[in-house]
Amino acid sequence: MTELEFLQHDTAETVDTCVIWLHGLGASGDDFLPIIEHLRLPISVRCRFIFPQAPVIPITINQGFRMPGWYDIRNSDIIASEDGAGIEASSAAIDELIAQQLAQGMTAGRILLAGFSQGGVIALHCGLRRSAPALGGVMALSAYLPACASLDADHTLALFFGHGTRDHVVPIARGRESWQRLTAAGYTPEWQQYDMEHSVCMAEIIDIRRWLLSSLGLAV
């Protein structure tokens, strides 16, 4: 995979925190730009938001139509027919973005990954396969844990799952199974569900804000 294009927004002239936020299938890097304002983070959180753009690839389940995607969806059985190679390639590209931030002096514990749907799958995969030092945390929104994910990372890694009870794209059962799998493996992921479809709602944003500040060791 070639180097990813991305949008960047710094909330201060000098930053000490970075959130890398991945969009979903068929979307674009600017989809979650409004989240910055909605989060209403305190001025003490000097944060860099990075919104990568997925490459345009053919998606099998959509008759091969080309669209921004982090990996292929071959059919409705997203686990049994998982595009492991595509997940690995996109994860490697996100790893490069993380490496760039580390090279600029950002501390691993102040880097958080967030992702919606496909983006959440990649965020989970990246965060869970990293060796020490661990990242600050991973937010998986309307997403699931891929079958190829490693569960050998530092079990103190902060994890947040948010899912809609009426999600017909990624059924809530898939997200809950992922949360349960991580819990059984020794992690302590937070689970929150909302009366919504495959989307994000204000109640979830409020929970994300609380979780993000807590993961950074800041008062909510």
Protein backbone atom coordinates (compact mmCIF):
# COMPACT_ATOMS: atom_id res chain seq x y z
CA MET A 1 0.00 0.00 0.00
CA THR A 2 1.24 3.47 -0.86
CA GLU A 3 1.62 6.15 1.81
CA LEU A 4 -1.76 7.37 2.98
CA GLU A 5 -3.03 10.87 2.41
CA PHE A 6 -4.53 12.46 5.50
CA LEU A 7 -6.06 15.59 6.94
CA GLN A 8 -4.54 17.06 10.08
CA HIS A 9 -5.92 19.51 12.61
CA ASP A 10 -3.97 20.69 15.66
CA THR A 11 -5.96 22.27 18.49
CA ALA A 12 -2.87 24.13 19.74
CA GLU A 13 0.42 25.47 18.37
CA THR A 14 2.30 22.74 20.22
CA VAL A 15 0.64 19.36 20.82
CA ASP A 16 1.31 16.43 23.12
CA THR A 17 -1.61 14.16 22.20
CA CYS A 18 -2.59 12.56 18.89
CA VAL A 19 -5.85 10.91 17.82
CA ILE A 20 -5.76 9.03 14.51
CA TRP A 21 -9.37 8.62 13.36
CA LEU A 22 -10.29 6.18 10.55
CA HIS A 23 -13.46 6.51 8.48
CA GLY A 24 -15.74 3.72 7.30
CA LEU A 25 -16.23 2.00 3.95
CA GLY A 26 -17.05 4.35 1.09
CA ALA A 27 -16.44 7.47 3.18
CA SER A 28 -13.63 10.02 3.21
CA GLY A 29 -11.02 11.39 5.57
CA ASP A 30 -13.02 14.51 6.29
CA ASP A 31 -16.08 12.58 7.52
CA PHE A 32 -15.13 12.94 11.16
CA LEU A 33 -13.69 16.46 11.09
CA PRO A 34 -16.82 17.80 12.88
CA ILE A 35 -16.09 15.47 15.81
CA ILE A 36 -13.40 17.88 16.98
CA GLU A 37 -15.93 20.58 17.77
CA HIS A 38 -18.50 18.16 19.17
CA LEU A 39 -16.01 16.65 21.64
CA ARG A 40 -15.47 20.05 23.27
CA LEU A 41 -12.15 19.00 24.75
CA PRO A 42 -10.68 21.30 27.42
CA ILE A 43 -7.97 23.70 26.31
CA SER A 44 -5.47 21.69 28.33
CA VAL A 45 -5.78 18.86 25.80
CA ARG A 46 -3.36 20.00 23.11
CA CYS A 47 -4.36 17.46 20.51
CA ARG A 48 -3.44 16.62 16.94
CA PHE A 49 -6.25 14.95 15.03
CA ILE A 50 -5.23 12.94 11.98
CA PHE A 51 -7.86 11.68 9.54
CA PRO A 52 -6.35 9.24 7.02
CA GLN A 53 -7.91 8.58 3.63
CA ALA A 54 -8.39 4.92 2.69
CA PRO A 55 -7.28 3.87 -0.81
CA VAL A 56 -9.88 3.31 -3.51
CA ILE A 57 -10.29 -0.44 -4.03
CA PRO A 58 -12.88 -2.79 -5.60
CA ILE A 59 -15.37 -4.13 -3.04
CA THR A 60 -16.58 -7.60 -3.97
CA ILE A 61 -19.91 -7.49 -2.12
CA ASN A 62 -20.73 -4.26 -4.02
CA GLN A 63 -20.27 -5.96 -7.41
CA GLY A 64 -16.64 -4.91 -7.51
CA PHE A 65 -17.46 -1.20 -7.44
CA ARG A 66 -14.37 0.82 -6.49
CA MET A 67 -14.62 2.99 -3.38
CA PRO A 68 -12.50 4.09 -0.42
CA GLY A 69 -11.98 1.01 1.70
CA TRP A 70 -9.51 -0.34 4.22
CA TYR A 71 -10.05 -3.92 2.98
CA ASP A 72 -12.38 -5.93 0.77
CA ILE A 73 -15.76 -7.24 1.92
CA ARG A 74 -16.27 -10.47 0.01
CA ASN A 75 -19.74 -11.45 1.25
CA SER A 76 -22.05 -11.08 4.23
CA ASP A 77 -19.97 -13.47 6.36
CA ILE A 78 -17.37 -10.86 7.30
CA ILE A 79 -15.39 -13.21 9.53
CA ALA A 80 -15.27 -16.47 7.53
CA SER A 81 -14.44 -14.59 4.32
CA GLU A 82 -12.16 -12.02 5.95
CA ASP A 83 -9.71 -10.15 3.75
CA GLY A 84 -6.74 -10.74 6.04
CA ALA A 85 -4.21 -9.44 3.52
CA GLY A 86 -6.14 -6.20 3.10
CA ILE A 87 -6.45 -5.73 6.86
CA GLU A 88 -2.72 -6.30 7.29
CA ALA A 89 -1.84 -3.85 4.51
CA SER A 90 -4.03 -1.07 5.91
CA SER A 91 -2.75 -1.74 9.43
CA ALA A 92 0.82 -1.40 8.18
CA ALA A 93 -0.07 1.97 6.63
CA ILE A 94 -1.53 3.18 9.94
CA ASP A 95 1.58 1.89 11.70
CA GLU A 96 3.56 4.24 9.47
CA LEU A 97 1.45 7.19 10.60
CA ILE A 98 2.07 6.18 14.21
CA ALA A 99 5.80 5.90 13.52
CA GLN A 100 5.81 9.41 12.05
CA GLN A 101 4.25 10.81 15.22
CA LEU A 102 6.71 8.93 17.43
CA ALA A 103 9.59 10.29 15.32
CA GLN A 104 8.27 13.82 15.95
CA GLY A 105 8.47 13.26 19.70
CA MET A 106 4.93 12.11 20.48
CA THR A 107 4.76 9.58 23.31
CA ALA A 108 3.10 6.25 22.46
CA GLY A 109 0.83 6.52 25.48
CA ARG A 110 -0.51 9.83 24.14
CA ILE A 111 -1.47 8.35 20.76
CA LEU A 112 -4.99 6.99 20.45
CA LEU A 113 -6.65 5.22 17.55
CA ALA A 114 -10.32 5.62 16.70
CA GLY A 115 -12.31 4.15 13.88
CA PHE A 116 -15.84 3.75 12.60
CA SER A 117 -16.97 0.45 11.05
CA GLN A 118 -14.10 -0.76 8.81
CA GLY A 119 -11.94 1.96 10.34
CA GLY A 120 -12.67 0.57 13.80
CA VAL A 121 -11.57 -2.90 12.68
CA ILE A 122 -8.21 -1.50 11.55
CA ALA A 123 -7.86 0.58 14.73
CA LEU A 124 -8.39 -2.53 16.86
CA HIS A 125 -5.99 -4.61 14.80
CA CYS A 126 -3.27 -1.96 14.96
CA GLY A 127 -3.61 -1.28 18.66
CA LEU A 128 -3.74 -4.92 19.71
CA ARG A 129 -0.75 -6.10 17.72
CA ARG A 130 1.67 -3.46 18.97
CA SER A 131 4.45 -4.48 21.29
CA ALA A 132 5.50 -2.19 24.17
CA PRO A 133 5.11 0.65 24.61
CA ALA A 134 1.35 0.41 24.21
CA LEU A 135 -0.76 3.16 22.70
CA GLY A 136 -3.00 5.32 24.85
CA GLY A 137 -6.12 3.49 23.74
CA VAL A 138 -8.39 2.35 20.92
CA MET A 139 -11.98 3.36 20.15
CA ALA A 140 -14.00 0.94 18.01
CA LEU A 141 -17.28 2.48 16.86
CA SER A 142 -19.84 0.20 15.19
CA ALA A 143 -16.98 -2.20 14.53
CA TYR A 144 -15.76 -5.69 15.36
CA LEU A 145 -12.57 -7.58 16.16
CA PRO A 146 -11.11 -9.24 13.04
CA ALA A 147 -10.32 -12.95 13.17
CA CYS A 148 -6.66 -12.18 12.42
CA ALA A 149 -6.31 -9.90 15.47
CA SER A 150 -3.62 -10.62 18.04
CA LEU A 151 -4.56 -10.70 21.70
CA ASP A 152 -0.99 -10.59 23.00
CA ALA A 153 -0.70 -6.82 23.58
CA ASP A 154 -0.43 -5.18 26.98
CA HIS A 155 -3.74 -6.06 28.63
CA THR A 156 -3.88 -2.61 30.22
CA LEU A 157 -4.56 -1.10 26.77
CA ALA A 158 -7.65 1.11 27.12
CA LEU A 159 -10.44 -0.03 24.79
CA PHE A 160 -13.86 1.47 24.03
CA PHE A 161 -16.67 -0.18 22.07
CA GLY A 162 -19.73 1.82 21.02
CA HIS A 163 -22.49 0.21 18.96
CA GLY A 164 -26.03 0.86 17.79
CA THR A 165 -28.78 -1.54 18.82
CA ARG A 166 -30.40 -1.14 15.37
CA ASP A 167 -27.20 -1.57 13.32
CA HIS A 168 -27.98 -3.66 10.22
CA VAL A 169 -24.53 -3.19 8.65
CA VAL A 170 -22.40 -4.53 11.50
CA PRO A 171 -24.92 -6.27 13.79
CA ILE A 172 -24.56 -5.42 17.45
CA ALA A 173 -24.05 -9.13 18.20
CA ARG A 174 -20.79 -8.97 16.24
CA GLY A 175 -19.54 -6.04 18.29
CA ARG A 176 -20.62 -7.61 21.57
CA GLU A 177 -18.89 -10.90 20.67
CA SER A 178 -15.68 -8.93 20.08
CA TRP A 179 -16.00 -7.20 23.45
CA GLN A 180 -16.59 -10.56 25.14
CA ARG A 181 -13.60 -12.12 23.37
CA LEU A 182 -11.31 -9.36 24.59
CA THR A 183 -12.72 -9.55 28.11
CA ALA A 184 -12.09 -13.31 28.20
CA ALA A 185 -8.51 -12.66 27.05
CA GLY A 186 -7.83 -10.42 30.07
CA TYR A 187 -8.57 -6.95 28.70
CA THR A 188 -11.06 -4.58 30.32
CA PRO A 189 -12.82 -2.99 27.34
CA GLU A 190 -15.68 -0.59 27.95
CA TRP A 191 -18.94 -1.46 26.20
CA GLN A 192 -21.66 1.09 25.43
CA GLN A 193 -24.70 0.66 23.22
CA TYR A 194 -27.10 3.24 21.82
CA ASP A 195 -30.53 3.40 20.23
CA MET A 196 -29.24 4.09 16.74
CA GLU A 197 -28.42 2.44 13.43
CA HIS A 198 -24.96 2.27 11.80
CA SER A 199 -24.00 5.78 12.85
CA VAL A 200 -22.76 7.99 15.68
CA CYS A 201 -25.02 9.86 18.10
CA MET A 202 -24.49 12.63 20.63
CA ALA A 203 -24.79 10.24 23.59
CA GLU A 204 -21.91 8.24 22.13
CA ILE A 205 -19.82 11.38 21.58
CA ILE A 206 -20.32 12.30 25.24
CA ASP A 207 -19.08 8.83 26.25
CA ILE A 208 -16.14 9.11 23.87
CA ARG A 209 -15.13 12.42 25.42
CA ARG A 210 -15.29 10.95 28.92
CA TRP A 211 -13.35 7.84 27.91
CA LEU A 212 -10.72 9.81 25.99
CA LEU A 213 -10.01 12.15 28.90
CA SER A 214 -9.92 9.23 31.34
CA SER A 215 -7.49 7.31 29.10
CA LEU A 216 -5.19 10.33 29.13
CA GLY A 217 -5.35 10.50 32.92
CA LEU A 218 -7.32 13.76 32.88
CA ALA A 219 -10.35 14.81 34.86
CA VAL A 220 -13.62 14.48 32.96
